[in-house]
PDB file of all heavy atoms in Angstrom:
ATOM      1  N   ASP A   1     -28.163  53.773  65.909  1.00  0.00           N
ATOM      2  CA  ASP A   1     -28.633  53.389  67.248  1.00  0.00           C
ATOM      3  C   ASP A   1     -28.053  54.295  68.342  1.00  0.00           C
ATOM      4  O   ASP A   1     -28.650  54.419  69.405  1.00  0.00           O
ATOM      5  CB  ASP A   1     -28.298  51.945  67.545  1.00  0.00           C
ATOM      6  CG  ASP A   1     -29.164  50.959  66.722  1.00  0.00           C
ATOM      7  OD1 ASP A   1     -30.178  51.397  66.148  1.00  0.00           O
ATOM      8  OD2 ASP A   1     -28.786  49.757  66.655  1.00  0.00           O
ATOM      9  N   ILE A   2     -26.880  54.877  68.095  1.00  0.00           N
ATOM     10  CA  ILE A   2     -26.289  55.786  69.094  1.00  0.00           C
ATOM     11  C   ILE A   2     -26.441  57.229  68.664  1.00  0.00           C
ATOM     12  O   ILE A   2     -25.698  58.106  69.084  1.00  0.00           O
ATOM     13  CB  ILE A   2     -24.815  55.424  69.390  1.00  0.00           C
ATOM     14  CG1 ILE A   2     -23.935  55.530  68.121  1.00  0.00           C
ATOM     15  CG2 ILE A   2     -24.693  54.074  70.017  1.00  0.00           C
ATOM     16  CD1 ILE A   2     -22.464  55.486  68.398  1.00  0.00           C
ATOM     17  N   ASP A   3     -27.405  57.466  67.778  1.00  0.00           N
ATOM     18  CA  ASP A   3     -27.767  58.830  67.313  1.00  0.00           C
ATOM     19  C   ASP A   3     -26.665  59.545  66.544  1.00  0.00           C
ATOM     20  O   ASP A   3     -26.568  60.773  66.615  1.00  0.00           O
ATOM     21  CB  ASP A   3     -28.250  59.694  68.478  1.00  0.00           C
ATOM     22  CG  ASP A   3     -29.604  59.270  68.980  1.00  0.00           C
ATOM     23  OD1 ASP A   3     -30.414  58.747  68.185  1.00  0.00           O
ATOM     24  OD2 ASP A   3     -29.873  59.414  70.186  1.00  0.00           O
ATOM     25  N   LEU A   4     -25.854  58.824  65.785  1.00  0.00           N
ATOM     26  CA  LEU A   4     -24.920  59.440  64.860  1.00  0.00           C
ATOM     27  C   LEU A   4     -25.483  59.246  63.462  1.00  0.00           C
ATOM     28  O   LEU A   4     -25.547  58.106  62.982  1.00  0.00           O
ATOM     29  CB  LEU A   4     -23.534  58.808  64.992  1.00  0.00           C
ATOM     30  CG  LEU A   4     -22.813  59.078  66.321  1.00  0.00           C
ATOM     31  CD1 LEU A   4     -21.485  58.349  66.350  1.00  0.00           C
ATOM     32  CD2 LEU A   4     -22.587  60.550  66.522  1.00  0.00           C
ATOM     33  N   LYS A   5     -25.895  60.309  62.832  1.00  0.00           N
ATOM     34  CA  LYS A   5     -26.627  60.182  61.569  1.00  0.00           C
ATOM     35  C   LYS A   5     -25.758  60.501  60.341  1.00  0.00           C
ATOM     36  O   LYS A   5     -25.984  59.966  59.282  1.00  0.00           O
ATOM     37  CB  LYS A   5     -27.815  61.133  61.589  1.00  0.00           C
ATOM     38  CG  LYS A   5     -28.672  60.986  62.831  1.00  0.00           C
ATOM     39  CD  LYS A   5     -29.820  60.056  62.596  1.00  0.00           C
ATOM     40  CE  LYS A   5     -30.776  60.074  63.753  1.00  0.00           C
ATOM     41  NZ  LYS A   5     -30.849  58.827  64.454  1.00  0.00           N
ATOM     42  N   GLY A   6     -24.844  61.436  60.443  1.00  0.00           N
ATOM     43  CA  GLY A   6     -24.116  61.899  59.256  1.00  0.00           C
ATOM     44  C   GLY A   6     -22.887  61.121  58.940  1.00  0.00           C
ATOM     45  O   GLY A   6     -21.896  61.182  59.670  1.00  0.00           O
ATOM     46  N   ILE A   7     -22.938  60.331  57.875  1.00  0.00           N
ATOM     47  CA  ILE A   7     -21.747  59.592  57.456  1.00  0.00           C
ATOM     48  C   ILE A   7     -21.577  59.773  55.956  1.00  0.00           C
ATOM     49  O   ILE A   7     -22.522  60.052  55.231  1.00  0.00           O
ATOM     50  CB  ILE A   7     -21.807  58.081  57.801  1.00  0.00           C
ATOM     51  CG1 ILE A   7     -22.937  57.378  57.059  1.00  0.00           C
ATOM     52  CG2 ILE A   7     -21.931  57.864  59.288  1.00  0.00           C
ATOM     53  CD1 ILE A   7     -22.881  55.856  57.202  1.00  0.00           C
ATOM     54  N   THR A   8     -20.349  59.620  55.515  1.00  0.00           N
ATOM     55  CA  THR A   8     -20.012  59.646  54.088  1.00  0.00           C
ATOM     56  C   THR A   8     -19.448  58.265  53.763  1.00  0.00           C
ATOM     57  O   THR A   8     -18.599  57.725  54.484  1.00  0.00           O
ATOM     58  CB  THR A   8     -18.948  60.711  53.772  1.00  0.00           C
ATOM     59  OG1 THR A   8     -19.490  61.967  54.122  1.00  0.00           O
ATOM     60  CG2 THR A   8     -18.606  60.702  52.280  1.00  0.00           C
ATOM     61  N   VAL A   9     -19.925  57.664  52.660  1.00  0.00           N
ATOM     62  CA  VAL A   9     -19.514  56.320  52.272  1.00  0.00           C
ATOM     63  C   VAL A   9     -18.888  56.407  50.883  1.00  0.00           C
ATOM     64  O   VAL A   9     -19.456  56.986  49.981  1.00  0.00           O
ATOM     65  CB  VAL A   9     -20.705  55.351  52.256  1.00  0.00           C
ATOM     66  CG1 VAL A   9     -20.284  53.982  51.792  1.00  0.00           C
ATOM     67  CG2 VAL A   9     -21.344  55.269  53.653  1.00  0.00           C
ATOM     68  N   THR A  10     -17.701  55.774  50.763  1.00  0.00           N
ATOM     69  CA  THR A  10     -16.995  55.740  49.492  1.00  0.00           C
ATOM     70  C   THR A  10     -16.613  54.306  49.196  1.00  0.00           C
ATOM     71  O   THR A  10     -16.146  53.588  50.070  1.00  0.00           O
ATOM     72  CB  THR A  10     -15.687  56.572  49.573  1.00  0.00           C
ATOM     73  OG1 THR A  10     -15.992  57.866  50.057  1.00  0.00           O
ATOM     74  CG2 THR A  10     -15.026  56.687  48.233  1.00  0.00           C
ATOM     75  N   GLU A  11     -16.834  53.880  47.956  1.00  0.00           N
ATOM     76  CA  GLU A  11     -16.384  52.539  47.543  1.00  0.00           C
ATOM     77  C   GLU A  11     -14.895  52.621  47.335  1.00  0.00           C
ATOM     78  O   GLU A  11     -14.371  53.597  46.762  1.00  0.00           O
ATOM     79  CB  GLU A  11     -17.082  52.109  46.283  1.00  0.00           C
ATOM     80  CG  GLU A  11     -18.564  51.813  46.468  1.00  0.00           C
ATOM     81  CD  GLU A  11     -19.216  51.295  45.223  1.00  0.00           C
ATOM     82  OE1 GLU A  11     -18.507  50.815  44.305  1.00  0.00           O
ATOM     83  OE2 GLU A  11     -20.444  51.354  45.147  1.00  0.00           O
ATOM     84  N   ALA A  12     -14.159  51.628  47.791  1.00  0.00           N
ATOM     85  CA  ALA A  12     -12.709  51.636  47.683  1.00  0.00           C
ATOM     86  C   ALA A  12     -12.229  50.245  47.345  1.00  0.00           C
ATOM     87  O   ALA A  12     -12.947  49.259  47.444  1.00  0.00           O
ATOM     88  CB  ALA A  12     -12.091  52.099  49.007  1.00  0.00           C
ATOM     89  N   LYS A  13     -10.972  50.165  46.949  1.00  0.00           N
ATOM     90  CA  LYS A  13     -10.293  48.863  46.730  1.00  0.00           C
ATOM     91  C   LYS A  13      -8.970  48.912  47.427  1.00  0.00           C
ATOM     92  O   LYS A  13      -8.314  49.960  47.490  1.00  0.00           O
ATOM     93  CB  LYS A  13     -10.103  48.624  45.236  1.00  0.00           C
ATOM     94  CG  LYS A  13     -11.372  48.365  44.480  1.00  0.00           C
ATOM     95  CD  LYS A  13     -11.089  47.990  43.076  1.00  0.00           C
ATOM     96  CE  LYS A  13     -12.405  47.692  42.378  1.00  0.00           C
ATOM     97  NZ  LYS A  13     -12.212  47.042  41.118  1.00  0.00           N
ATOM     98  N   GLY A  14      -8.563  47.804  48.001  1.00  0.00           N
ATOM     99  CA  GLY A  14      -7.275  47.761  48.661  1.00  0.00           C
ATOM    100  C   GLY A  14      -6.965  46.384  49.196  1.00  0.00           C
ATOM    101  O   GLY A  14      -7.730  45.442  49.024  1.00  0.00           O
ATOM    102  N   PHE A  15      -5.809  46.297  49.868  1.00  0.00           N
ATOM    103  CA  PHE A  15      -5.467  45.059  50.517  1.00  0.00           C
ATOM    104  C   PHE A  15      -4.514  45.358  51.647  1.00  0.00           C
ATOM    105  O   PHE A  15      -3.875  46.370  51.686  1.00  0.00           O
ATOM    106  CB  PHE A  15      -4.834  44.045  49.535  1.00  0.00           C
ATOM    107  CG  PHE A  15      -3.505  44.471  49.000  1.00  0.00           C
ATOM    108  CD1 PHE A  15      -2.325  44.138  49.655  1.00  0.00           C
ATOM    109  CD2 PHE A  15      -3.435  45.211  47.819  1.00  0.00           C
ATOM    110  CE1 PHE A  15      -1.101  44.507  49.136  1.00  0.00           C
ATOM    111  CE2 PHE A  15      -2.190  45.615  47.324  1.00  0.00           C
ATOM    112  CZ  PHE A  15      -1.026  45.257  47.981  1.00  0.00           C
ATOM    113  N   GLY A  16      -4.491  44.437  52.591  1.00  0.00           N
ATOM    114  CA  GLY A  16      -3.575  44.530  53.719  1.00  0.00           C
ATOM    115  C   GLY A  16      -2.817  43.233  53.788  1.00  0.00           C
ATOM    116  O   GLY A  16      -2.233  42.810  52.816  1.00  0.00           O
ATOM    117  N   ARG A  17      -2.902  42.576  54.929  1.00  0.00           N
ATOM    118  CA  ARG A  17      -2.186  41.329  55.092  1.00  0.00           C
ATOM    119  C   ARG A  17      -2.709  40.223  54.184  1.00  0.00           C
ATOM    120  O   ARG A  17      -1.997  39.316  53.806  1.00  0.00           O
ATOM    121  CB  ARG A  17      -2.311  40.830  56.547  1.00  0.00           C
ATOM    122  CG  ARG A  17      -1.516  41.667  57.503  1.00  0.00           C
ATOM    123  CD  ARG A  17      -1.560  41.069  58.885  1.00  0.00           C
ATOM    124  NE  ARG A  17      -0.954  41.957  59.829  1.00  0.00           N
ATOM    125  CZ  ARG A  17      -1.215  41.970  61.091  1.00  0.00           C
ATOM    126  NH1 ARG A  17      -2.069  41.089  61.593  1.00  0.00           N
ATOM    127  NH2 ARG A  17      -0.620  42.807  61.899  1.00  0.00           N
ATOM    128  N   GLN A  18      -3.990  40.299  53.809  1.00  0.00           N
ATOM    129  CA  GLN A  18      -4.562  39.224  53.033  1.00  0.00           C
ATOM    130  C   GLN A  18      -3.997  39.201  51.617  1.00  0.00           C
ATOM    131  O   GLN A  18      -4.034  38.188  50.923  1.00  0.00           O
ATOM    132  CB  GLN A  18      -6.078  39.305  53.025  1.00  0.00           C
ATOM    133  CG  GLN A  18      -6.648  40.552  52.398  1.00  0.00           C
ATOM    134  CD  GLN A  18      -8.095  40.803  52.778  1.00  0.00           C
ATOM    135  OE1 GLN A  18      -8.401  41.806  53.351  1.00  0.00           O
ATOM    136  NE2 GLN A  18      -8.948  39.909  52.440  1.00  0.00           N
ATOM    137  N   LYS A  19      -3.526  40.307  51.112  1.00  0.00           N
ATOM    138  CA  LYS A  19      -2.822  40.404  49.819  1.00  0.00           C
ATOM    139  C   LYS A  19      -3.622  39.836  48.667  1.00  0.00           C
ATOM    140  O   LYS A  19      -3.055  39.262  47.731  1.00  0.00           O
ATOM    141  CB  LYS A  19      -1.460  39.737  49.908  1.00  0.00           C
ATOM    142  CG  LYS A  19      -0.536  40.391  50.885  1.00  0.00           C
ATOM    143  CD  LYS A  19       0.826  39.713  50.862  1.00  0.00           C
ATOM    144  CE  LYS A  19       1.788  40.380  51.781  1.00  0.00           C
ATOM    145  NZ  LYS A  19       1.616  40.094  53.175  1.00  0.00           N
ATOM    146  N   GLY A  20      -4.910  39.971  48.668  1.00  0.00           N
ATOM    147  CA  GLY A  20      -5.733  39.514  47.556  1.00  0.00           C
ATOM    148  C   GLY A  20      -5.949  38.017  47.545  1.00  0.00           C
ATOM    149  O   GLY A  20      -5.651  37.328  48.500  1.00  0.00           O
ATOM    150  N   HIS A  21      -6.422  37.531  46.416  1.00  0.00           N
ATOM    151  CA  HIS A  21      -6.680  36.108  46.283  1.00  0.00           C
ATOM    152  C   HIS A  21      -6.621  35.721  44.800  1.00  0.00           C
ATOM    153  O   HIS A  21      -6.605  36.583  43.932  1.00  0.00           O
ATOM    154  CB  HIS A  21      -8.017  35.727  46.897  1.00  0.00           C
ATOM    155  CG  HIS A  21      -9.182  36.399  46.269  1.00  0.00           C
ATOM    156  ND1 HIS A  21      -9.612  37.652  46.601  1.00  0.00           N
ATOM    157  CD2 HIS A  21     -10.028  35.972  45.258  1.00  0.00           C
ATOM    158  CE1 HIS A  21     -10.661  37.995  45.850  1.00  0.00           C
ATOM    159  NE2 HIS A  21     -10.932  37.002  45.023  1.00  0.00           N
ATOM    160  N   THR A  22      -6.607  34.425  44.533  1.00  0.00           N
ATOM    161  CA  THR A  22      -6.551  33.908  43.162  1.00  0.00           C
ATOM    162  C   THR A  22      -7.924  33.465  42.731  1.00  0.00           C
ATOM    163  O   THR A  22      -8.668  32.855  43.514  1.00  0.00           O
ATOM    164  CB  THR A  22      -5.574  32.717  43.083  1.00  0.00           C
ATOM    165  OG1 THR A  22      -4.301  33.125  43.580  1.00  0.00           O
ATOM    166  CG2 THR A  22      -5.410  32.222  41.689  1.00  0.00           C
ATOM    167  N   GLU A  23      -8.289  33.797  41.500  1.00  0.00           N
ATOM    168  CA  GLU A  23      -9.603  33.407  40.938  1.00  0.00           C
ATOM    169  C   GLU A  23      -9.365  32.698  39.603  1.00  0.00           C
ATOM    170  O   GLU A  23      -8.369  32.917  38.941  1.00  0.00           O
ATOM    171  CB  GLU A  23     -10.509  34.605  40.748  1.00  0.00           C
ATOM    172  CG  GLU A  23     -11.023  35.169  42.043  1.00  0.00           C
ATOM    173  CD  GLU A  23     -12.110  36.248  41.836  1.00  0.00           C
ATOM    174  OE1 GLU A  23     -12.490  36.475  40.671  1.00  0.00           O
ATOM    175  OE2 GLU A  23     -12.533  36.829  42.838  1.00  0.00           O
ATOM    176  N   LEU A  24     -10.338  31.887  39.234  1.00  0.00           N
ATOM    177  CA  LEU A  24     -10.310  31.188  37.977  1.00  0.00           C
ATOM    178  C   LEU A  24     -11.375  31.790  37.052  1.00  0.00           C
ATOM    179  O   LEU A  24     -12.549  31.836  37.453  1.00  0.00           O
ATOM    180  CB  LEU A  24     -10.574  29.673  38.233  1.00  0.00           C
ATOM    181  CG  LEU A  24     -10.189  28.723  37.138  1.00  0.00           C
ATOM    182  CD1 LEU A  24      -8.690  28.768  36.877  1.00  0.00           C
ATOM    183  CD2 LEU A  24     -10.583  27.294  37.525  1.00  0.00           C
TER     184      LEU A  24
END
């Protein structure tokens, strides 16, 4: 929308303050 067309996208994994979560 602001006429910026060129981007690079990379899938990543990480955590900050949330420090992940527990799953069953």
